C-alpha atoms as a PDB file:
ATOM      1  CA  UNK A   1      93.284  49.150 112.947  1.00  0.00           C
ATOM      2  CA  UNK A   2      92.308  48.263 109.379  1.00  0.00           C
ATOM      3  CA  UNK A   3      93.975  49.807 106.342  1.00  0.00           C
ATOM      4  CA  UNK A   4      91.883  51.096 103.420  1.00  0.00           C
ATOM      5  CA  UNK A   5      94.533  50.415 100.767  1.00  0.00           C
ATOM      6  CA  UNK A   6      94.655  46.707 101.653  1.00  0.00           C
ATOM      7  CA  UNK A   7      90.872  46.366 101.335  1.00  0.00           C
ATOM      8  CA  UNK A   8      90.832  48.506  98.187  1.00  0.00           C
ATOM      9  CA  UNK A   9      93.434  46.326  96.466  1.00  0.00           C
ATOM     10  CA  UNK A  10      91.535  43.091  97.206  1.00  0.00           C
ATOM     11  CA  UNK A  11      88.181  44.449  96.026  1.00  0.00           C
ATOM     12  CA  UNK A  12      89.688  46.079  92.930  1.00  0.00           C
ATOM     13  CA  UNK A  13      90.729  42.642  91.681  1.00  0.00           C
ATOM     14  CA  UNK A  14      87.032  41.710  91.478  1.00  0.00           C
ATOM     15  CA  UNK A  15      85.914  44.928  89.813  1.00  0.00           C
ATOM     16  CA  UNK A  16      87.969  44.797  86.625  1.00  0.00           C
ATOM     17  CA  UNK A  17      88.709  47.801  84.412  1.00  0.00           C
ATOM     18  CA  UNK A  18      85.960  48.779  81.970  1.00  0.00           C
ATOM     19  CA  UNK A  19      82.693  47.166  80.980  1.00  0.00           C
ATOM     20  CA  UNK A  20      79.442  47.944  79.238  1.00  0.00           C
ATOM     21  CA  UNK A  21      77.298  44.813  79.502  1.00  0.00           C
ATOM     22  CA  UNK A  22      73.670  45.190  78.458  1.00  0.00           C
ATOM     23  CA  UNK A  23      72.640  42.695  81.179  1.00  0.00           C
ATOM     24  CA  UNK A  24      74.317  44.750  83.908  1.00  0.00           C
ATOM     25  CA  UNK A  25      71.728  46.952  85.601  1.00  0.00           C
ATOM     26  CA  UNK A  26      74.529  49.381  86.459  1.00  0.00           C
ATOM     27  CA  UNK A  27      75.214  49.992  82.774  1.00  0.00           C
ATOM     28  CA  UNK A  28      78.660  51.222  81.790  1.00  0.00           C
ATOM     29  CA  UNK A  29      81.224  50.600  84.529  1.00  0.00           C
ATOM     30  CA  UNK A  30      84.762  51.747  85.208  1.00  0.00           C
ATOM     31  CA  UNK A  31      86.665  49.931  87.960  1.00  0.00           C
ATOM     32  CA  UNK A  32      83.324  48.887  89.415  1.00  0.00           C
ATOM     33  CA  UNK A  33      81.763  52.363  89.399  1.00  0.00           C
ATOM     34  CA  UNK A  34      78.422  52.012  87.606  1.00  0.00           C
ATOM     35  CA  UNK A  35      77.366  54.963  85.492  1.00  0.00           C
ATOM     36  CA  UNK A  36      73.647  54.357  85.986  1.00  0.00           C
ATOM     37  CA  UNK A  37      74.069  54.407  89.770  1.00  0.00           C
ATOM     38  CA  UNK A  38      76.723  57.125  90.000  1.00  0.00           C
ATOM     39  CA  UNK A  39      76.181  59.391  86.970  1.00  0.00           C
ATOM     40  CA  UNK A  40      77.712  62.416  88.724  1.00  0.00           C
ATOM     41  CA  UNK A  41      81.033  60.803  89.609  1.00  0.00           C
ATOM     42  CA  UNK A  42      83.798  63.271  88.657  1.00  0.00           C
ATOM     43  CA  UNK A  43      85.767  60.630  86.755  1.00  0.00           C
ATOM     44  CA  UNK A  44      83.195  60.075  83.996  1.00  0.00           C
ATOM     45  CA  UNK A  45      84.375  63.165  82.128  1.00  0.00           C
ATOM     46  CA  UNK A  46      87.925  61.749  82.065  1.00  0.00           C
ATOM     47  CA  UNK A  47      86.645  58.352  80.895  1.00  0.00           C
ATOM     48  CA  UNK A  48      84.673  59.980  78.071  1.00  0.00           C
ATOM     49  CA  UNK A  49      87.668  62.044  76.931  1.00  0.00           C
ATOM     50  CA  UNK A  50      89.905  58.963  76.856  1.00  0.00           C
ATOM     51  CA  UNK A  51      87.259  56.922  75.013  1.00  0.00           C
ATOM     52  CA  UNK A  52      86.936  59.606  72.347  1.00  0.00           C
ATOM     53  CA  UNK A  53      90.714  59.976  71.988  1.00  0.00           C
ATOM     54  CA  UNK A  54      91.685  56.319  71.524  1.00  0.00           C
ATOM     55  CA  UNK A  55      90.200  53.459  69.556  1.00  0.00           C
ATOM     56  CA  UNK A  56      89.446  50.087  71.121  1.00  0.00           C
ATOM     57  CA  UNK A  57      91.419  48.381  72.631  1.00  0.00           C
ATOM     58  CA  UNK A  58      94.023  51.156  73.048  1.00  0.00           C
ATOM     59  CA  UNK A  59      91.652  53.226  75.156  1.00  0.00           C
ATOM     60  CA  UNK A  60      91.711  50.422  77.770  1.00  0.00           C
ATOM     61  CA  UNK A  61      95.458  50.924  78.240  1.00  0.00           C
ATOM     62  CA  UNK A  62      94.936  54.681  78.477  1.00  0.00           C
ATOM     63  CA  UNK A  63      92.251  54.165  81.129  1.00  0.00           C
ATOM     64  CA  UNK A  64      94.444  51.718  83.033  1.00  0.00           C
ATOM     65  CA  UNK A  65      97.486  54.006  83.052  1.00  0.00           C
ATOM     66  CA  UNK A  66      95.823  57.322  83.945  1.00  0.00           C
ATOM     67  CA  UNK A  67      96.990  57.995  87.515  1.00  0.00           C
ATOM     68  CA  UNK A  68      94.765  61.055  88.020  1.00  0.00           C
ATOM     69  CA  UNK A  69      91.764  58.929  87.117  1.00  0.00           C
ATOM     70  CA  UNK A  70      92.942  56.190  89.506  1.00  0.00           C
ATOM     71  CA  UNK A  71      93.153  58.766  92.299  1.00  0.00           C
ATOM     72  CA  UNK A  72      89.542  59.792  91.625  1.00  0.00           C
ATOM     73  CA  UNK A  73      88.478  56.146  91.751  1.00  0.00           C
ATOM     74  CA  UNK A  74      90.288  55.546  95.036  1.00  0.00           C
ATOM     75  CA  UNK A  75      88.826  58.673  96.620  1.00  0.00           C
ATOM     76  CA  UNK A  76      85.319  57.667  95.490  1.00  0.00           C
ATOM     77  CA  UNK A  77      85.627  54.254  97.124  1.00  0.00           C
ATOM     78  CA  UNK A  78      87.099  55.610 100.313  1.00  0.00           C
ATOM     79  CA  UNK A  79      84.359  58.218 100.840  1.00  0.00           C
ATOM     80  CA  UNK A  80      81.429  56.208  99.495  1.00  0.00           C
ATOM     81  CA  UNK A  81      82.163  52.854 101.137  1.00  0.00           C
ATOM     82  CA  UNK A  82      85.194  52.655 103.455  1.00  0.00           C
ATOM     83  CA  UNK A  83      84.167  55.650 105.529  1.00  0.00           C
ATOM     84  CA  UNK A  84      80.562  54.396 105.662  1.00  0.00           C
ATOM     85  CA  UNK A  85      81.686  51.169 107.340  1.00  0.00           C
ATOM     86  CA  UNK A  86      84.119  53.087 109.609  1.00  0.00           C
ATOM     87  CA  UNK A  87      86.916  50.961 108.223  1.00  0.00           C
ATOM     88  CA  UNK A  88      89.700  52.915 109.931  1.00  0.00           C
ATOM     89  CA  UNK A  89      88.178  52.041 113.331  1.00  0.00           C
ATOM     90  CA  UNK A  90      87.732  48.281 112.770  1.00  0.00           C
ATOM     91  CA  UNK A  91      90.264  46.210 114.718  1.00  0.00           C
ATOM     92  CA  UNK A  92      90.359  43.263 112.303  1.00  0.00           C
ATOM     93  CA  UNK A  93      91.644  43.709 108.735  1.00  0.00           C
ATOM     94  CA  UNK A  94      89.904  40.620 107.327  1.00  0.00           C
ATOM     95  CA  UNK A  95      86.508  41.671 108.646  1.00  0.00           C
ATOM     96  CA  UNK A  96      87.072  45.231 107.415  1.00  0.00           C
ATOM     97  CA  UNK A  97      87.957  43.777 103.990  1.00  0.00           C
ATOM     98  CA  UNK A  98      84.712  41.778 103.963  1.00  0.00           C
ATOM     99  CA  UNK A  99      82.512  44.647 105.079  1.00  0.00           C
ATOM    100  CA  UNK A 100      84.132  46.940 102.516  1.00  0.00           C
ATOM    101  CA  UNK A 101      83.811  44.449  99.649  1.00  0.00           C
ATOM    102  CA  UNK A 102      80.160  43.795 100.485  1.00  0.00           C
ATOM    103  CA  UNK A 103      79.526  47.534 100.723  1.00  0.00           C
ATOM    104  CA  UNK A 104      81.032  48.063  97.270  1.00  0.00           C
ATOM    105  CA  UNK A 105      79.118  45.162  95.758  1.00  0.00           C
ATOM    106  CA  UNK A 106      75.726  45.564  97.411  1.00  0.00           C
ATOM    107  CA  UNK A 107      75.688  48.777  99.443  1.00  0.00           C
ATOM    108  CA  UNK A 108      77.006  49.818 102.855  1.00  0.00           C
ATOM    109  CA  UNK A 109      73.626  49.326 104.546  1.00  0.00           C
ATOM    110  CA  UNK A 110      73.332  45.691 103.483  1.00  0.00           C
ATOM    111  CA  UNK A 111      76.964  45.019 104.409  1.00  0.00           C
ATOM    112  CA  UNK A 112      76.447  46.395 107.916  1.00  0.00           C
ATOM    113  CA  UNK A 113      73.181  44.435 108.181  1.00  0.00           C
ATOM    114  CA  UNK A 114      75.167  41.232 107.568  1.00  0.00           C
ATOM    115  CA  UNK A 115      77.472  42.172 110.453  1.00  0.00           C
ATOM    116  CA  UNK A 116      74.506  42.957 112.721  1.00  0.00           C
ATOM    117  CA  UNK A 117      72.773  39.701 111.851  1.00  0.00           C
ATOM    118  CA  UNK A 118      75.984  37.743 112.471  1.00  0.00           C
ATOM    119  CA  UNK A 119      76.373  39.350 115.891  1.00  0.00           C
ATOM    120  CA  UNK A 120      72.774  38.520 116.810  1.00  0.00           C
ATOM    121  CA  UNK A 121      73.151  34.923 115.649  1.00  0.00           C
ATOM    122  CA  UNK A 122      76.246  34.509 117.811  1.00  0.00           C
ATOM    123  CA  UNK A 123      75.006  36.032 121.059  1.00  0.00           C
ATOM    124  CA  UNK A 124      73.692  32.726 122.475  1.00  0.00           C
ATOM    125  CA  UNK A 125      70.156  34.079 122.739  1.00  0.00           C
ATOM    126  CA  UNK A 126      71.326  37.218 124.500  1.00  0.00           C
ATOM    127  CA  UNK A 127      73.619  35.520 127.024  1.00  0.00           C
ATOM    128  CA  UNK A 128      76.861  36.876 125.515  1.00  0.00           C
ATOM    129  CA  UNK A 129      75.577  40.334 124.562  1.00  0.00           C
ATOM    130  CA  UNK A 130      72.181  41.953 123.908  1.00  0.00           C
ATOM    131  CA  UNK A 131      70.440  41.752 120.562  1.00  0.00           C
ATOM    132  CA  UNK A 132      71.059  44.730 118.316  1.00  0.00           C
ATOM    133  CA  UNK A 133      68.734  46.217 115.737  1.00  0.00           C
ATOM    134  CA  UNK A 134      69.439  45.052 112.183  1.00  0.00           C
ATOM    135  CA  UNK A 135      69.050  48.414 110.488  1.00  0.00           C
ATOM    136  CA  UNK A 136      72.187  48.738 108.345  1.00  0.00           C
ATOM    137  CA  UNK A 137      73.526  51.588 110.478  1.00  0.00           C
ATOM    138  CA  UNK A 138      76.936  51.296 112.111  1.00  0.00           C
ATOM    139  CA  UNK A 139      76.147  53.159 115.311  1.00  0.00           C
ATOM    140  CA  UNK A 140      77.799  52.874 118.737  1.00  0.00           C
ATOM    141  CA  UNK A 141      75.796  49.811 119.793  1.00  0.00           C
ATOM    142  CA  UNK A 142      76.769  47.765 116.734  1.00  0.00           C
ATOM    143  CA  UNK A 143      80.382  48.891 116.941  1.00  0.00           C
ATOM    144  CA  UNK A 144      80.663  48.147 120.675  1.00  0.00           C
ATOM    145  CA  UNK A 145      78.986  44.757 120.255  1.00  0.00           C
ATOM    146  CA  UNK A 146      81.432  43.861 117.475  1.00  0.00           C
ATOM    147  CA  UNK A 147      84.359  44.709 119.748  1.00  0.00           C
ATOM    148  CA  UNK A 148      82.883  42.594 122.572  1.00  0.00           C
ATOM    149  CA  UNK A 149      82.507  39.665 120.160  1.00  0.00           C
ATOM    150  CA  UNK A 150      86.096  40.091 118.991  1.00  0.00           C
ATOM    151  CA  UNK A 151      87.267  39.283 122.535  1.00  0.00           C
ATOM    152  CA  UNK A 152      85.891  35.747 122.342  1.00  0.00           C
ATOM    153  CA  UNK A 153      88.500  33.152 121.382  1.00  0.00           C
ATOM    154  CA  UNK A 154      86.939  32.353 118.010  1.00  0.00           C
ATOM    155  CA  UNK A 155      84.792  35.469 117.744  1.00  0.00           C
ATOM    156  CA  UNK A 156      86.522  37.070 114.776  1.00  0.00           C
ATOM    157  CA  UNK A 157      86.715  33.813 112.803  1.00  0.00           C
ATOM    158  CA  UNK A 158      83.046  32.982 113.273  1.00  0.00           C
ATOM    159  CA  UNK A 159      81.845  36.519 112.531  1.00  0.00           C
ATOM    160  CA  UNK A 160      83.919  36.420 109.346  1.00  0.00           C
ATOM    161  CA  UNK A 161      82.430  33.062 108.313  1.00  0.00           C
ATOM    162  CA  UNK A 162      78.833  34.082 108.983  1.00  0.00           C
ATOM    163  CA  UNK A 163      79.210  37.327 107.035  1.00  0.00           C
ATOM    164  CA  UNK A 164      80.427  35.242 104.096  1.00  0.00           C
ATOM    165  CA  UNK A 165      77.540  32.790 104.450  1.00  0.00           C
ATOM    166  CA  UNK A 166      75.056  35.689 104.398  1.00  0.00           C
ATOM    167  CA  UNK A 167      76.831  37.173 101.388  1.00  0.00           C
ATOM    168  CA  UNK A 168      76.587  33.866  99.491  1.00  0.00           C
ATOM    169  CA  UNK A 169      72.946  33.454 100.472  1.00  0.00           C
ATOM    170  CA  UNK A 170      72.215  36.925  99.100  1.00  0.00           C
ATOM    171  CA  UNK A 171      73.816  36.147  95.724  1.00  0.00           C
ATOM    172  CA  UNK A 172      71.970  32.829  95.382  1.00  0.00           C
ATOM    173  CA  UNK A 173      68.607  34.354  96.259  1.00  0.00           C
ATOM    174  CA  UNK A 174      69.195  37.254  93.869  1.00  0.00           C
ATOM    175  CA  UNK A 175      70.009  34.854  91.034  1.00  0.00           C
ATOM    176  CA  UNK A 176      66.957  32.706  91.784  1.00  0.00           C
ATOM    177  CA  UNK A 177      64.771  35.794  91.790  1.00  0.00           C
ATOM    178  CA  UNK A 178      66.344  37.323  88.665  1.00  0.00           C
ATOM    179  CA  UNK A 179      67.572  34.604  86.283  1.00  0.00           C
ATOM    180  CA  UNK A 180      68.912  37.312  83.941  1.00  0.00           C
ATOM    181  CA  UNK A 181      71.644  37.924  86.525  1.00  0.00           C
ATOM    182  CA  UNK A 182      72.878  34.331  86.367  1.00  0.00           C
ATOM    183  CA  UNK A 183      75.807  35.294  84.149  1.00  0.00           C
ATOM    184  CA  UNK A 184      77.252  37.303  87.044  1.00  0.00           C
ATOM    185  CA  UNK A 185      77.021  34.511  89.649  1.00  0.00           C
ATOM    186  CA  UNK A 186      80.509  33.113  89.029  1.00  0.00           C
ATOM    187  CA  UNK A 187      82.061  36.503  89.681  1.00  0.00           C
ATOM    188  CA  UNK A 188      79.881  37.119  92.728  1.00  0.00           C
ATOM    189  CA  UNK A 189      80.653  33.675  94.155  1.00  0.00           C
ATOM    190  CA  UNK A 190      84.384  34.373  93.819  1.00  0.00           C
ATOM    191  CA  UNK A 191      83.917  37.235  96.286  1.00  0.00           C
ATOM    192  CA  UNK A 192      82.717  34.864  99.001  1.00  0.00           C
ATOM    193  CA  UNK A 193      85.933  34.292 100.942  1.00  0.00           C
ATOM    194  CA  UNK A 194      86.382  30.796 102.279  1.00  0.00           C
ATOM    195  CA  UNK A 195      88.923  31.612 104.983  1.00  0.00           C
ATOM    196  CA  UNK A 196      90.584  34.509 106.710  1.00  0.00           C
ATOM    197  CA  UNK A 197      93.847  35.758 105.208  1.00  0.00           C
ATOM    198  CA  UNK A 198      96.044  35.666 108.338  1.00  0.00           C
END
């Protein structure tokens, strides 16, 4: 079964430490947690205290080295995203990593929708398994269908690739629709994994 700490480490490398970019719709961010989207996160008080206690850039080191704050970050990600994708129950670490990273970057519902769409695209018009509803909910039908697909010789590899294709398509369409977000495309594109870790 998949391990949260492995997925967390990979995604954390994309999230950085601290940012406050005016073009970022999430506003101020700490380790990928956007203040505009998660204003009630318990770590913001700690961030504010550290910011007021140290001048730039020393406050970045203080933020980086605060283990209690790191624990709050990790707990946030586990509850908000890992548990939503049922990461502990997924049999394939690479696919769990992808679903988790997509959940963090664009929401658990969209991440699960990518999985559902991939499964529907791979079912050979219903010959391998029935179509499932693309609703962003990881219920028993989606979970069981994923496990059936995993039993195919190349099932895990192809599911992984299609999820990444859908992820890349989402980023490109978002950038086309909102040119102001173009400055983030390089970072987003780096999240689209080309191959499984193995």
